[in-house]
Amino acid sequence: MNVEEEVGRLRLEIERLGTVQPDGSTVVKFGILFNDDRCANLFEALVGTLRAAKKRKLLTYDGELLLQGVHDNVDIVLFKPVSN
């Protein structure tokens, strides 16, 4: 699976696990995402996929590197998809 496919799957998982905000973005805690069984099976390197998505400006979170336990309460914010 290439990076674009992984980022696309990550978007779907954040939408599945997260909460839609009034501005159309979706928010999920890192710990929820990291500890989800489906995500654990899909993503060999979840943190790397998150960083790739952040670099592509599809989502944001505080900090550069997220660690299990330490950053479980960090919000991952998936930006609202741009309409065509």
C-alpha atoms as a PDB file:
ATOM      1  CA  MET A   1       0.000   0.000   0.000  1.00  0.00           C
ATOM      2  CA  ASN A   2       1.386   3.423  -0.902  1.00  0.00           C
ATOM      3  CA  VAL A   3       1.294   6.548   1.265  1.00  0.00           C
ATOM      4  CA  GLU A   4      -1.698   8.077  -0.526  1.00  0.00           C
ATOM      5  CA  GLU A   5      -3.759   4.925   0.062  1.00  0.00           C
ATOM      6  CA  GLU A   6      -2.779   4.826   3.737  1.00  0.00           C
ATOM      7  CA  VAL A   7      -3.666   8.488   4.201  1.00  0.00           C
ATOM      8  CA  GLY A   8      -7.040   7.847   2.542  1.00  0.00           C
ATOM      9  CA  ARG A   9      -7.718   4.930   4.878  1.00  0.00           C
ATOM     10  CA  LEU A  10      -6.645   7.048   7.843  1.00  0.00           C
ATOM     11  CA  ARG A  11      -9.218   9.684   6.846  1.00  0.00           C
ATOM     12  CA  LEU A  12     -11.936   7.017   6.848  1.00  0.00           C
ATOM     13  CA  GLU A  13     -10.891   5.704  10.264  1.00  0.00           C
ATOM     14  CA  ILE A  14     -10.831   9.191  11.793  1.00  0.00           C
ATOM     15  CA  GLU A  15     -14.318   9.793  10.380  1.00  0.00           C
ATOM     16  CA  ARG A  16     -15.467   6.456  11.842  1.00  0.00           C
ATOM     17  CA  LEU A  17     -14.052   7.058  15.322  1.00  0.00           C
ATOM     18  CA  GLY A  18     -14.235  10.825  15.610  1.00  0.00           C
ATOM     19  CA  THR A  19     -16.830  13.480  16.283  1.00  0.00           C
ATOM     20  CA  VAL A  20     -17.900  15.963  13.620  1.00  0.00           C
ATOM     21  CA  GLN A  21     -17.501  19.561  14.765  1.00  0.00           C
ATOM     22  CA  PRO A  22     -19.761  22.509  13.823  1.00  0.00           C
ATOM     23  CA  ASP A  23     -17.141  23.710  11.295  1.00  0.00           C
ATOM     24  CA  GLY A  24     -17.259  20.344   9.487  1.00  0.00           C
ATOM     25  CA  SER A  25     -13.931  19.066  10.791  1.00  0.00           C
ATOM     26  CA  THR A  26     -13.703  15.729  12.631  1.00  0.00           C
ATOM     27  CA  VAL A  27     -11.844  15.300  15.928  1.00  0.00           C
ATOM     28  CA  VAL A  28     -10.567  12.119  17.561  1.00  0.00           C
ATOM     29  CA  LYS A  29      -8.147  11.608  20.447  1.00  0.00           C
ATOM     30  CA  PHE A  30      -4.828   9.987  19.526  1.00  0.00           C
ATOM     31  CA  GLY A  31      -5.352   7.306  22.190  1.00  0.00           C
ATOM     32  CA  ILE A  32      -8.703   6.287  20.681  1.00  0.00           C
ATOM     33  CA  LEU A  33      -7.142   5.984  17.237  1.00  0.00           C
ATOM     34  CA  PHE A  34      -4.010   4.205  18.480  1.00  0.00           C
ATOM     35  CA  ASN A  35      -5.873   1.679  20.624  1.00  0.00           C
ATOM     36  CA  ASP A  36      -8.554   0.815  18.068  1.00  0.00           C
ATOM     37  CA  ASP A  37      -8.187  -2.819  16.923  1.00  0.00           C
ATOM     38  CA  ARG A  38      -9.130  -2.053  13.323  1.00  0.00           C
ATOM     39  CA  CYS A  39      -6.550   0.731  13.099  1.00  0.00           C
ATOM     40  CA  ALA A  40      -3.919  -1.499  14.667  1.00  0.00           C
ATOM     41  CA  ASN A  41      -4.526  -4.039  11.899  1.00  0.00           C
ATOM     42  CA  LEU A  42      -4.643  -1.477   9.086  1.00  0.00           C
ATOM     43  CA  PHE A  43      -1.663   0.720   9.900  1.00  0.00           C
ATOM     44  CA  GLU A  44       1.791  -0.713  10.402  1.00  0.00           C
ATOM     45  CA  ALA A  45       3.070   2.748  11.340  1.00  0.00           C
ATOM     46  CA  LEU A  46       0.138   4.883  12.481  1.00  0.00           C
ATOM     47  CA  VAL A  47       2.337   7.758  13.654  1.00  0.00           C
ATOM     48  CA  GLY A  48       4.101   7.850  10.282  1.00  0.00           C
ATOM     49  CA  THR A  49       0.767   7.913   8.450  1.00  0.00           C
ATOM     50  CA  LEU A  50      -0.425  10.738  10.708  1.00  0.00           C
ATOM     51  CA  ARG A  51       2.739  12.699   9.944  1.00  0.00           C
ATOM     52  CA  ALA A  52       2.256  12.149   6.195  1.00  0.00           C
ATOM     53  CA  ALA A  53      -1.347  13.388   6.426  1.00  0.00           C
ATOM     54  CA  LYS A  54      -0.244  16.409   8.463  1.00  0.00           C
ATOM     55  CA  LYS A  55       2.445  17.227   5.886  1.00  0.00           C
ATOM     56  CA  ARG A  56      -0.279  17.134   3.192  1.00  0.00           C
ATOM     57  CA  LYS A  57      -2.369  19.529   5.338  1.00  0.00           C
ATOM     58  CA  LEU A  58      -5.261  17.071   5.625  1.00  0.00           C
ATOM     59  CA  LEU A  59      -5.211  17.154   9.416  1.00  0.00           C
ATOM     60  CA  THR A  60      -3.435  18.762  12.317  1.00  0.00           C
ATOM     61  CA  TYR A  61      -2.378  18.005  15.882  1.00  0.00           C
ATOM     62  CA  ASP A  62      -0.112  19.632  18.445  1.00  0.00           C
ATOM     63  CA  GLY A  63       3.517  18.579  18.330  1.00  0.00           C
ATOM     64  CA  GLU A  64       5.630  16.640  15.882  1.00  0.00           C
ATOM     65  CA  LEU A  65       5.760  13.138  17.339  1.00  0.00           C
ATOM     66  CA  LEU A  66       2.908  11.385  19.135  1.00  0.00           C
ATOM     67  CA  LEU A  67       3.651   8.640  21.650  1.00  0.00           C
ATOM     68  CA  GLN A  68       1.216   6.120  23.088  1.00  0.00           C
ATOM     69  CA  GLY A  69       0.310   6.902  26.689  1.00  0.00           C
ATOM     70  CA  VAL A  70       2.012  10.300  26.774  1.00  0.00           C
ATOM     71  CA  HIS A  71      -0.131  11.831  24.024  1.00  0.00           C
ATOM     72  CA  ASP A  72      -3.363   9.818  24.322  1.00  0.00           C
ATOM     73  CA  ASN A  73      -5.411  12.992  24.944  1.00  0.00           C
ATOM     74  CA  VAL A  74      -4.045  14.951  21.982  1.00  0.00           C
ATOM     75  CA  ASP A  75      -6.749  15.919  19.488  1.00  0.00           C
ATOM     76  CA  ILE A  76      -6.285  14.831  15.890  1.00  0.00           C
ATOM     77  CA  VAL A  77      -8.299  17.287  13.780  1.00  0.00           C
ATOM     78  CA  LEU A  78      -9.242  16.131  10.295  1.00  0.00           C
ATOM     79  CA  PHE A  79     -10.056  19.164   8.193  1.00  0.00           C
ATOM     80  CA  LYS A  80     -13.403  19.365   6.409  1.00  0.00           C
ATOM     81  CA  PRO A  81     -13.099  17.975   2.874  1.00  0.00           C
ATOM     82  CA  VAL A  82     -12.971  20.656   0.191  1.00  0.00           C
ATOM     83  CA  SER A  83     -16.061  20.578  -2.006  1.00  0.00           C
ATOM     84  CA  ASN A  84     -15.534  20.505  -5.761  1.00  0.00           C
END
